[in-house]
Amino acid sequence: MDPSIRKIAFTLNGQKVSAQVESHINLVDLLRRFNLDGARESCGQGLCGCCTVLVDGVAVSGCLTLAQLVDGKSLTTVEGLDASGALSVVQQAFIDEGAFQCGFCTPGFVLMTHQLLETNADPDEHEIRDYLAGNLCRCAAYPEIIRAVKTAGDRMRAIST
């Protein structure tokens, strides 16, 4: 077997999976092998957030993360947020608030919002903007994104009470 190819095993959106990966393959390319295209490579430099994936609950840039590094880890993509068959609270809030235009950046914003609300269920606008600063929306849907984060937070707090 080619020494640059390694078998890895990981949990992907709640399912145990494995793959043979070359040493140069990044996380976005690996996800394509599983027909997941929510994480999108845009800038290729980890600056725009379009390729965001949660690895063990922490957001990473899928374009910069080598696939071999997720061996033994748990990955969540935007597709995995609706594992029960229904949209997550965050996904629904983005739809309800029209927090997207072209939608290219939306998966990254949704995952970052999910991560933010896991740690801070009631962020103010400054905290939201600061937390999402690594995600770029070229269509400038920022006011709607801020509203979606606030709406999702309100709904999550209402569910937990």
N, C-alpha and C. Protein backbone atom coordinates (compact mmCIF):
# COMPACT_ATOMS: atom_id res chain seq x y z
N MET A 1 0.85 -1.19 0.00
CA MET A 1 0.00 0.00 0.00
C MET A 1 0.89 1.24 0.00
N ASP A 2 0.44 2.23 -0.70
CA ASP A 2 1.15 3.51 -0.80
C ASP A 2 1.24 4.14 0.59
N PRO A 3 2.45 4.50 1.05
CA PRO A 3 2.58 5.08 2.39
C PRO A 3 1.91 6.44 2.56
N SER A 4 1.59 7.10 1.44
CA SER A 4 0.91 8.40 1.56
C SER A 4 -0.60 8.23 1.73
N ILE A 5 -1.09 6.99 1.65
CA ILE A 5 -2.52 6.71 1.84
C ILE A 5 -2.70 6.04 3.20
N ARG A 6 -3.67 6.55 3.93
CA ARG A 6 -3.92 6.05 5.28
C ARG A 6 -5.41 5.81 5.47
N LYS A 7 -5.74 4.73 6.15
CA LYS A 7 -7.15 4.48 6.48
C LYS A 7 -7.46 5.22 7.78
N ILE A 8 -8.54 5.98 7.75
CA ILE A 8 -8.99 6.70 8.95
C ILE A 8 -10.42 6.28 9.25
N ALA A 9 -10.77 6.36 10.52
CA ALA A 9 -12.14 6.08 10.97
C ALA A 9 -12.57 7.25 11.84
N PHE A 10 -13.81 7.67 11.66
CA PHE A 10 -14.32 8.81 12.40
C PHE A 10 -15.84 8.74 12.42
N THR A 11 -16.43 9.61 13.21
CA THR A 11 -17.89 9.70 13.26
C THR A 11 -18.31 10.91 12.45
N LEU A 12 -19.18 10.69 11.50
CA LEU A 12 -19.64 11.75 10.60
C LEU A 12 -21.14 11.92 10.77
N ASN A 13 -21.52 13.05 11.35
CA ASN A 13 -22.94 13.33 11.58
C ASN A 13 -23.64 12.17 12.30
N GLY A 14 -22.93 11.63 13.32
CA GLY A 14 -23.50 10.58 14.15
C GLY A 14 -23.30 9.16 13.66
N GLN A 15 -22.71 8.99 12.49
CA GLN A 15 -22.50 7.65 11.93
C GLN A 15 -21.01 7.33 11.90
N LYS A 16 -20.64 6.13 12.31
CA LYS A 16 -19.24 5.68 12.23
C LYS A 16 -18.93 5.38 10.77
N VAL A 17 -17.84 5.96 10.26
CA VAL A 17 -17.43 5.77 8.88
C VAL A 17 -15.91 5.61 8.83
N SER A 18 -15.43 5.19 7.66
CA SER A 18 -13.99 5.13 7.45
C SER A 18 -13.71 5.49 6.00
N ALA A 19 -12.46 5.82 5.74
CA ALA A 19 -12.06 6.20 4.37
C ALA A 19 -10.56 6.00 4.22
N GLN A 20 -10.15 5.76 3.00
CA GLN A 20 -8.74 5.76 2.63
C GLN A 20 -8.44 7.16 2.11
N VAL A 21 -7.48 7.84 2.73
CA VAL A 21 -7.19 9.21 2.31
C VAL A 21 -5.72 9.40 2.02
N GLU A 22 -5.47 10.18 1.00
CA GLU A 22 -4.12 10.56 0.64
C GLU A 22 -3.66 11.66 1.59
N SER A 23 -2.38 11.80 1.77
CA SER A 23 -1.84 12.74 2.75
C SER A 23 -2.18 14.20 2.44
N HIS A 24 -2.46 14.52 1.20
CA HIS A 24 -2.71 15.92 0.81
C HIS A 24 -4.19 16.29 0.78
N ILE A 25 -5.09 15.34 1.01
CA ILE A 25 -6.53 15.58 0.90
C ILE A 25 -7.01 16.39 2.11
N ASN A 26 -7.77 17.45 1.83
CA ASN A 26 -8.32 18.25 2.94
C ASN A 26 -9.72 17.76 3.30
N LEU A 27 -10.25 18.31 4.36
CA LEU A 27 -11.55 17.88 4.88
C LEU A 27 -12.69 18.11 3.90
N VAL A 28 -12.67 19.21 3.18
CA VAL A 28 -13.72 19.48 2.20
C VAL A 28 -13.74 18.39 1.13
N ASP A 29 -12.57 18.01 0.63
CA ASP A 29 -12.50 16.94 -0.38
C ASP A 29 -12.96 15.61 0.19
N LEU A 30 -12.62 15.33 1.44
CA LEU A 30 -13.08 14.09 2.07
C LEU A 30 -14.60 14.08 2.17
N LEU A 31 -15.21 15.18 2.56
CA LEU A 31 -16.66 15.23 2.69
C LEU A 31 -17.37 14.99 1.37
N ARG A 32 -16.77 15.41 0.27
CA ARG A 32 -17.35 15.16 -1.06
C ARG A 32 -17.50 13.67 -1.32
N ARG A 33 -16.56 12.88 -0.80
CA ARG A 33 -16.62 11.43 -0.98
C ARG A 33 -17.85 10.83 -0.30
N PHE A 34 -18.39 11.54 0.67
CA PHE A 34 -19.59 11.11 1.38
C PHE A 34 -20.84 11.86 0.89
N ASN A 35 -20.71 12.51 -0.27
CA ASN A 35 -21.81 13.27 -0.90
C ASN A 35 -22.33 14.39 -0.01
N LEU A 36 -21.44 15.00 0.74
CA LEU A 36 -21.79 16.16 1.56
C LEU A 36 -21.14 17.39 0.94
N ASP A 37 -21.97 18.34 0.57
CA ASP A 37 -21.40 19.52 -0.11
C ASP A 37 -21.76 20.83 0.57
N GLY A 38 -22.19 20.78 1.82
CA GLY A 38 -22.48 22.02 2.55
C GLY A 38 -21.23 22.84 2.81
N ALA A 39 -20.16 22.18 3.22
CA ALA A 39 -18.88 22.87 3.42
C ALA A 39 -18.27 23.08 2.04
N ARG A 40 -18.01 24.34 1.72
CA ARG A 40 -17.54 24.68 0.37
C ARG A 40 -16.20 25.40 0.44
N GLU A 41 -15.31 25.00 -0.43
CA GLU A 41 -14.04 25.71 -0.48
C GLU A 41 -14.21 26.95 -1.34
N SER A 42 -13.86 28.07 -0.78
CA SER A 42 -13.99 29.34 -1.49
C SER A 42 -12.64 30.03 -1.59
N CYS A 43 -12.12 30.48 -0.45
CA CYS A 43 -10.86 31.22 -0.49
C CYS A 43 -9.65 30.29 -0.47
N GLY A 44 -9.79 29.09 0.08
CA GLY A 44 -8.68 28.16 0.16
C GLY A 44 -7.61 28.58 1.16
N GLN A 45 -7.91 29.57 1.99
CA GLN A 45 -6.93 30.09 2.94
C GLN A 45 -7.48 30.16 4.37
N GLY A 46 -8.66 29.64 4.60
CA GLY A 46 -9.25 29.67 5.93
C GLY A 46 -9.70 31.04 6.38
N LEU A 47 -10.02 31.91 5.43
CA LEU A 47 -10.37 33.29 5.77
C LEU A 47 -11.85 33.63 5.62
N CYS A 48 -12.63 32.77 4.96
CA CYS A 48 -14.01 33.16 4.64
C CYS A 48 -15.08 32.40 5.40
N GLY A 49 -14.78 31.23 5.94
CA GLY A 49 -15.74 30.47 6.71
C GLY A 49 -16.68 29.59 5.91
N CYS A 50 -16.59 29.60 4.59
CA CYS A 50 -17.50 28.79 3.77
C CYS A 50 -17.28 27.29 3.97
N CYS A 51 -16.10 26.90 4.41
CA CYS A 51 -15.76 25.49 4.55
C CYS A 51 -15.85 25.00 5.99
N THR A 52 -16.54 25.73 6.84
CA THR A 52 -16.60 25.40 8.26
C THR A 52 -17.20 24.02 8.51
N VAL A 53 -16.54 23.27 9.38
CA VAL A 53 -16.99 21.97 9.85
C VAL A 53 -16.70 21.93 11.35
N LEU A 54 -17.55 21.29 12.11
CA LEU A 54 -17.29 21.11 13.55
C LEU A 54 -16.56 19.79 13.75
N VAL A 55 -15.39 19.85 14.37
CA VAL A 55 -14.62 18.66 14.69
C VAL A 55 -14.58 18.58 16.22
N ASP A 56 -15.17 17.53 16.75
CA ASP A 56 -15.33 17.40 18.20
C ASP A 56 -15.96 18.67 18.79
N GLY A 57 -16.91 19.24 18.05
CA GLY A 57 -17.66 20.40 18.52
C GLY A 57 -17.00 21.74 18.32
N VAL A 58 -15.82 21.76 17.73
CA VAL A 58 -15.08 23.01 17.53
C VAL A 58 -14.98 23.30 16.03
N ALA A 59 -15.30 24.53 15.66
CA ALA A 59 -15.26 24.92 14.25
C ALA A 59 -13.83 24.91 13.71
N VAL A 60 -13.67 24.31 12.53
CA VAL A 60 -12.38 24.33 11.84
C VAL A 60 -12.63 24.72 10.39
N SER A 61 -11.59 25.18 9.74
CA SER A 61 -11.64 25.46 8.30
C SER A 61 -11.35 24.17 7.56
N GLY A 62 -12.34 23.67 6.87
CA GLY A 62 -12.20 22.41 6.13
C GLY A 62 -11.20 22.48 5.00
N CYS A 63 -10.93 23.68 4.49
CA CYS A 63 -9.96 23.81 3.40
C CYS A 63 -8.53 23.69 3.91
N LEU A 64 -8.31 23.96 5.20
CA LEU A 64 -6.97 23.91 5.77
C LEU A 64 -6.71 22.66 6.60
N THR A 65 -7.74 21.94 6.96
CA THR A 65 -7.60 20.77 7.81
C THR A 65 -7.37 19.53 6.96
N LEU A 66 -6.25 18.88 7.17
CA LEU A 66 -5.97 17.65 6.44
C LEU A 66 -6.90 16.55 6.92
N ALA A 67 -7.42 15.79 5.98
CA ALA A 67 -8.38 14.74 6.30
C ALA A 67 -7.81 13.74 7.29
N GLN A 68 -6.54 13.42 7.18
CA GLN A 68 -5.94 12.43 8.07
C GLN A 68 -6.00 12.86 9.54
N LEU A 69 -6.13 14.14 9.79
CA LEU A 69 -6.15 14.64 11.17
C LEU A 69 -7.47 14.39 11.89
N VAL A 70 -8.52 13.96 11.17
CA VAL A 70 -9.80 13.72 11.82
C VAL A 70 -9.98 12.26 12.23
N ASP A 71 -8.94 11.47 12.09
CA ASP A 71 -8.99 10.07 12.52
C ASP A 71 -9.38 10.01 14.00
N GLY A 72 -10.44 9.27 14.31
CA GLY A 72 -10.89 9.12 15.68
C GLY A 72 -11.74 10.26 16.19
N LYS A 73 -12.00 11.25 15.38
CA LYS A 73 -12.76 12.44 15.80
C LYS A 73 -14.23 12.31 15.41
N SER A 74 -15.00 13.27 15.87
CA SER A 74 -16.41 13.36 15.53
C SER A 74 -16.64 14.63 14.71
N LEU A 75 -17.19 14.48 13.51
CA LEU A 75 -17.43 15.61 12.62
C LEU A 75 -18.92 15.89 12.51
N THR A 76 -19.25 17.18 12.50
CA THR A 76 -20.62 17.61 12.24
C THR A 76 -20.58 18.62 11.11
N THR A 77 -21.35 18.34 10.08
CA THR A 77 -21.50 19.27 8.97
C THR A 77 -22.88 19.90 9.08
N VAL A 78 -23.14 20.88 8.25
CA VAL A 78 -24.46 21.52 8.28
C VAL A 78 -25.55 20.48 8.00
N GLU A 79 -25.24 19.47 7.22
CA GLU A 79 -26.22 18.43 6.94
C GLU A 79 -26.55 17.61 8.19
N GLY A 80 -25.63 17.55 9.13
CA GLY A 80 -25.83 16.78 10.34
C GLY A 80 -26.63 17.48 11.42
N LEU A 81 -26.89 18.76 11.25
CA LEU A 81 -27.67 19.49 12.25
C LEU A 81 -29.13 19.09 12.25
N ASP A 82 -29.60 18.54 11.14
CA ASP A 82 -31.01 18.13 11.07
C ASP A 82 -31.13 16.61 11.11
N ALA A 83 -30.33 16.00 11.96
CA ALA A 83 -30.26 14.54 12.04
C ALA A 83 -31.61 13.89 12.34
N SER A 84 -32.49 14.59 13.02
CA SER A 84 -33.80 14.02 13.36
C SER A 84 -34.78 14.09 12.19
N GLY A 85 -34.36 14.67 11.09
CA GLY A 85 -35.25 14.81 9.93
C GLY A 85 -35.92 16.17 9.87
N ALA A 86 -35.77 16.95 10.92
CA ALA A 86 -36.32 18.31 10.95
C ALA A 86 -35.16 19.29 11.02
N LEU A 87 -35.37 20.47 10.50
CA LEU A 87 -34.33 21.48 10.56
C LEU A 87 -34.02 21.83 12.01
N SER A 88 -32.76 22.15 12.28
CA SER A 88 -32.39 22.59 13.62
C SER A 88 -32.98 23.97 13.86
N VAL A 89 -32.99 24.39 15.11
CA VAL A 89 -33.49 25.71 15.47
C VAL A 89 -32.72 26.79 14.70
N VAL A 90 -31.41 26.63 14.61
CA VAL A 90 -30.58 27.62 13.91
C VAL A 90 -30.92 27.64 12.42
N GLN A 91 -31.00 26.48 11.80
CA GLN A 91 -31.33 26.43 10.38
C GLN A 91 -32.68 27.10 10.11
N GLN A 92 -33.68 26.79 10.94
CA GLN A 92 -35.01 27.37 10.74
C GLN A 92 -34.99 28.88 10.93
N ALA A 93 -34.21 29.36 11.90
CA ALA A 93 -34.12 30.81 12.13
C ALA A 93 -33.51 31.51 10.92
N PHE A 94 -32.51 30.90 10.30
CA PHE A 94 -31.91 31.50 9.11
C PHE A 94 -32.93 31.59 7.98
N ILE A 95 -33.76 30.59 7.83
CA ILE A 95 -34.80 30.63 6.81
C ILE A 95 -35.84 31.69 7.16
N ASP A 96 -36.30 31.66 8.39
CA ASP A 96 -37.36 32.60 8.81
C ASP A 96 -36.93 34.05 8.69
N GLU A 97 -35.66 34.33 8.94
CA GLU A 97 -35.16 35.71 8.88
C GLU A 97 -34.59 36.07 7.51
N GLY A 98 -34.63 35.15 6.55
CA GLY A 98 -34.07 35.42 5.22
C GLY A 98 -32.59 35.76 5.30
N ALA A 99 -31.86 35.02 6.12
CA ALA A 99 -30.45 35.34 6.42
C ALA A 99 -29.49 34.75 5.39
N PHE A 100 -29.83 34.93 4.15
CA PHE A 100 -28.97 34.47 3.06
C PHE A 100 -29.48 35.09 1.77
N GLN A 101 -28.63 35.15 0.80
CA GLN A 101 -29.06 35.55 -0.54
C GLN A 101 -28.66 34.43 -1.49
N CYS A 102 -27.38 34.35 -1.82
CA CYS A 102 -26.97 33.26 -2.72
C CYS A 102 -26.86 31.94 -1.98
N GLY A 103 -26.63 31.97 -0.66
CA GLY A 103 -26.56 30.77 0.15
C GLY A 103 -25.20 30.11 0.22
N PHE A 104 -24.22 30.61 -0.50
CA PHE A 104 -22.91 29.96 -0.53
C PHE A 104 -22.25 29.95 0.85
N CYS A 105 -22.37 31.02 1.60
CA CYS A 105 -21.73 31.13 2.91
C CYS A 105 -22.60 30.60 4.04
N THR A 106 -23.86 30.35 3.77
CA THR A 106 -24.83 30.04 4.82
C THR A 106 -24.44 28.84 5.68
N PRO A 107 -23.99 27.71 5.12
CA PRO A 107 -23.62 26.59 5.99
C PRO A 107 -22.58 26.96 7.05
N GLY A 108 -21.59 27.73 6.68
CA GLY A 108 -20.58 28.16 7.64
C GLY A 108 -21.16 29.05 8.72
N PHE A 109 -22.01 29.99 8.33
CA PHE A 109 -22.66 30.85 9.32
C PHE A 109 -23.56 30.04 10.26
N VAL A 110 -24.27 29.07 9.72
CA VAL A 110 -25.16 28.24 10.54
C VAL A 110 -24.35 27.45 11.56
N LEU A 111 -23.26 26.84 11.14
CA LEU A 111 -22.44 26.06 12.07
C LEU A 111 -21.79 26.95 13.13
N MET A 112 -21.31 28.12 12.74
CA MET A 112 -20.72 29.03 13.71
C MET A 112 -21.77 29.53 14.70
N THR A 113 -22.98 29.80 14.21
CA THR A 113 -24.07 30.21 15.09
C THR A 113 -24.42 29.10 16.06
N HIS A 114 -24.47 27.88 15.56
CA HIS A 114 -24.73 26.72 16.42
C HIS A 114 -23.68 26.65 17.53
N GLN A 115 -22.42 26.79 17.16
CA GLN A 115 -21.34 26.74 18.16
C GLN A 115 -21.46 27.90 19.15
N LEU A 116 -21.73 29.10 18.67
CA LEU A 116 -21.88 30.26 19.54
C LEU A 116 -22.98 30.04 20.57
N LEU A 117 -24.14 29.60 20.11
CA LEU A 117 -25.29 29.46 20.99
C LEU A 117 -25.14 28.30 21.97
N GLU A 118 -24.24 27.38 21.67
CA GLU A 118 -23.93 26.31 22.62
C GLU A 118 -23.22 26.88 23.85
N THR A 119 -22.46 27.94 23.66
CA THR A 119 -21.67 28.52 24.76
C THR A 119 -22.28 29.81 25.31
N ASN A 120 -23.08 30.49 24.50
CA ASN A 120 -23.68 31.76 24.91
C ASN A 120 -25.08 31.84 24.30
N ALA A 121 -26.08 31.49 25.08
CA ALA A 121 -27.44 31.41 24.56
C ALA A 121 -28.10 32.77 24.33
N ASP A 122 -27.46 33.84 24.81
CA ASP A 122 -28.06 35.16 24.67
C ASP A 122 -26.99 36.21 24.32
N PRO A 123 -26.34 36.05 23.17
CA PRO A 123 -25.30 37.01 22.81
C PRO A 123 -25.90 38.34 22.36
N ASP A 124 -25.20 39.44 22.67
CA ASP A 124 -25.65 40.72 22.15
C ASP A 124 -25.06 40.90 20.74
N GLU A 125 -25.45 41.97 20.08
CA GLU A 125 -25.02 42.16 18.69
C GLU A 125 -23.50 42.23 18.55
N HIS A 126 -22.83 42.88 19.48
CA HIS A 126 -21.37 42.97 19.42
C HIS A 126 -20.74 41.57 19.53
N GLU A 127 -21.25 40.75 20.44
CA GLU A 127 -20.73 39.40 20.60
C GLU A 127 -20.98 38.55 19.35
N ILE A 128 -22.13 38.72 18.75
CA ILE A 128 -22.45 37.98 17.52
C ILE A 128 -21.49 38.39 16.41
N ARG A 129 -21.34 39.69 16.20
CA ARG A 129 -20.45 40.16 15.14
C ARG A 129 -19.01 39.70 15.36
N ASP A 130 -18.57 39.76 16.61
CA ASP A 130 -17.21 39.33 16.93
C ASP A 130 -17.05 37.84 16.66
N TYR A 131 -18.01 37.03 17.08
CA TYR A 131 -17.93 35.59 16.92
C TYR A 131 -17.97 35.17 15.46
N LEU A 132 -18.75 35.87 14.67
CA LEU A 132 -18.91 35.51 13.26
C LEU A 132 -17.94 36.25 12.34
N ALA A 133 -16.98 36.97 12.91
CA ALA A 133 -16.06 37.78 12.10
C ALA A 133 -15.25 36.98 11.10
N GLY A 134 -15.05 35.70 11.34
CA GLY A 134 -14.29 34.86 10.41
C GLY A 134 -15.11 34.33 9.25
N ASN A 135 -16.37 34.70 9.18
CA ASN A 135 -17.25 34.28 8.08
C ASN A 135 -17.59 35.49 7.24
N LEU A 136 -17.48 35.32 5.94
CA LEU A 136 -17.77 36.42 5.02
C LEU A 136 -18.99 36.11 4.17
N CYS A 137 -19.87 37.09 4.07
CA CYS A 137 -21.03 37.01 3.18
C CYS A 137 -20.82 38.04 2.09
N ARG A 138 -20.58 37.59 0.90
CA ARG A 138 -20.32 38.50 -0.21
C ARG A 138 -21.59 39.21 -0.68
N CYS A 139 -22.76 38.68 -0.30
CA CYS A 139 -24.03 39.33 -0.66
C CYS A 139 -24.44 40.38 0.38
N ALA A 140 -23.73 40.44 1.49
CA ALA A 140 -23.96 41.42 2.56
C ALA A 140 -25.31 41.25 3.24
N ALA A 141 -25.64 40.01 3.59
CA ALA A 141 -26.88 39.74 4.31
C ALA A 141 -26.67 39.83 5.82
N TYR A 142 -25.72 40.64 6.24
CA TYR A 142 -25.36 40.71 7.66
C TYR A 142 -26.50 41.10 8.59
N PRO A 143 -27.33 42.09 8.27
CA PRO A 143 -28.43 42.42 9.20
C PRO A 143 -29.36 41.23 9.42
N GLU A 144 -29.66 40.50 8.37
CA GLU A 144 -30.53 39.33 8.48
C GLU A 144 -29.84 38.21 9.26
N ILE A 145 -28.54 38.05 9.08
CA ILE A 145 -27.79 37.03 9.82
C ILE A 145 -27.82 37.33 11.31
N ILE A 146 -27.59 38.60 11.66
CA ILE A 146 -27.63 38.99 13.08
C ILE A 146 -29.02 38.69 13.66
N ARG A 147 -30.07 39.03 12.91
CA ARG A 147 -31.44 38.74 13.38
C ARG A 147 -31.65 37.24 13.54
N ALA A 148 -31.13 36.45 12.61
CA ALA A 148 -31.30 35.00 12.68
C ALA A 148 -30.62 34.43 13.92
N VAL A 149 -29.44 34.94 14.25
CA VAL A 149 -28.74 34.47 15.45
C VAL A 149 -29.57 34.81 16.69
N LYS A 150 -30.08 36.03 16.75
CA LYS A 150 -30.89 36.45 17.90
C LYS A 150 -32.17 35.60 17.98
N THR A 151 -32.81 35.37 16.85
CA THR A 151 -34.03 34.55 16.81
C THR A 151 -33.75 33.13 17.27
N ALA A 152 -32.67 32.54 16.77
CA ALA A 152 -32.31 31.19 17.18
C ALA A 152 -32.03 31.12 18.67
N GLY A 153 -31.32 32.10 19.19
CA GLY A 153 -31.04 32.16 20.62
C GLY A 153 -32.31 32.26 21.44
N ASP A 154 -33.23 33.14 21.01
CA ASP A 154 -34.52 33.29 21.71
C ASP A 154 -35.26 31.96 21.72
N ARG A 155 -35.30 31.29 20.59
CA ARG A 155 -36.04 30.02 20.49
C ARG A 155 -35.38 28.93 21.33
N MET A 156 -34.06 28.89 21.33
CA MET A 156 -33.36 27.87 22.12
C MET A 156 -33.59 28.09 23.62
N ARG A 157 -33.57 29.35 24.04
CA ARG A 157 -33.83 29.64 25.45
C ARG A 157 -35.26 29.29 25.82
N ALA A 158 -36.21 29.53 24.92
CA ALA A 158 -37.61 29.21 25.19
C ALA A 158 -37.81 27.69 25.31
N ILE A 159 -37.08 26.93 24.52
CA ILE A 159 -37.17 25.47 24.57
C ILE A 159 -36.61 24.94 25.88
N SER A 160 -35.52 25.55 26.36
CA SER A 160 -34.84 25.04 27.55
C SER A 160 -35.52 25.44 28.86
N THR A 161 -36.53 26.33 28.80
CA THR A 161 -37.20 26.73 30.04
C THR A 161 -38.46 25.97 30.28
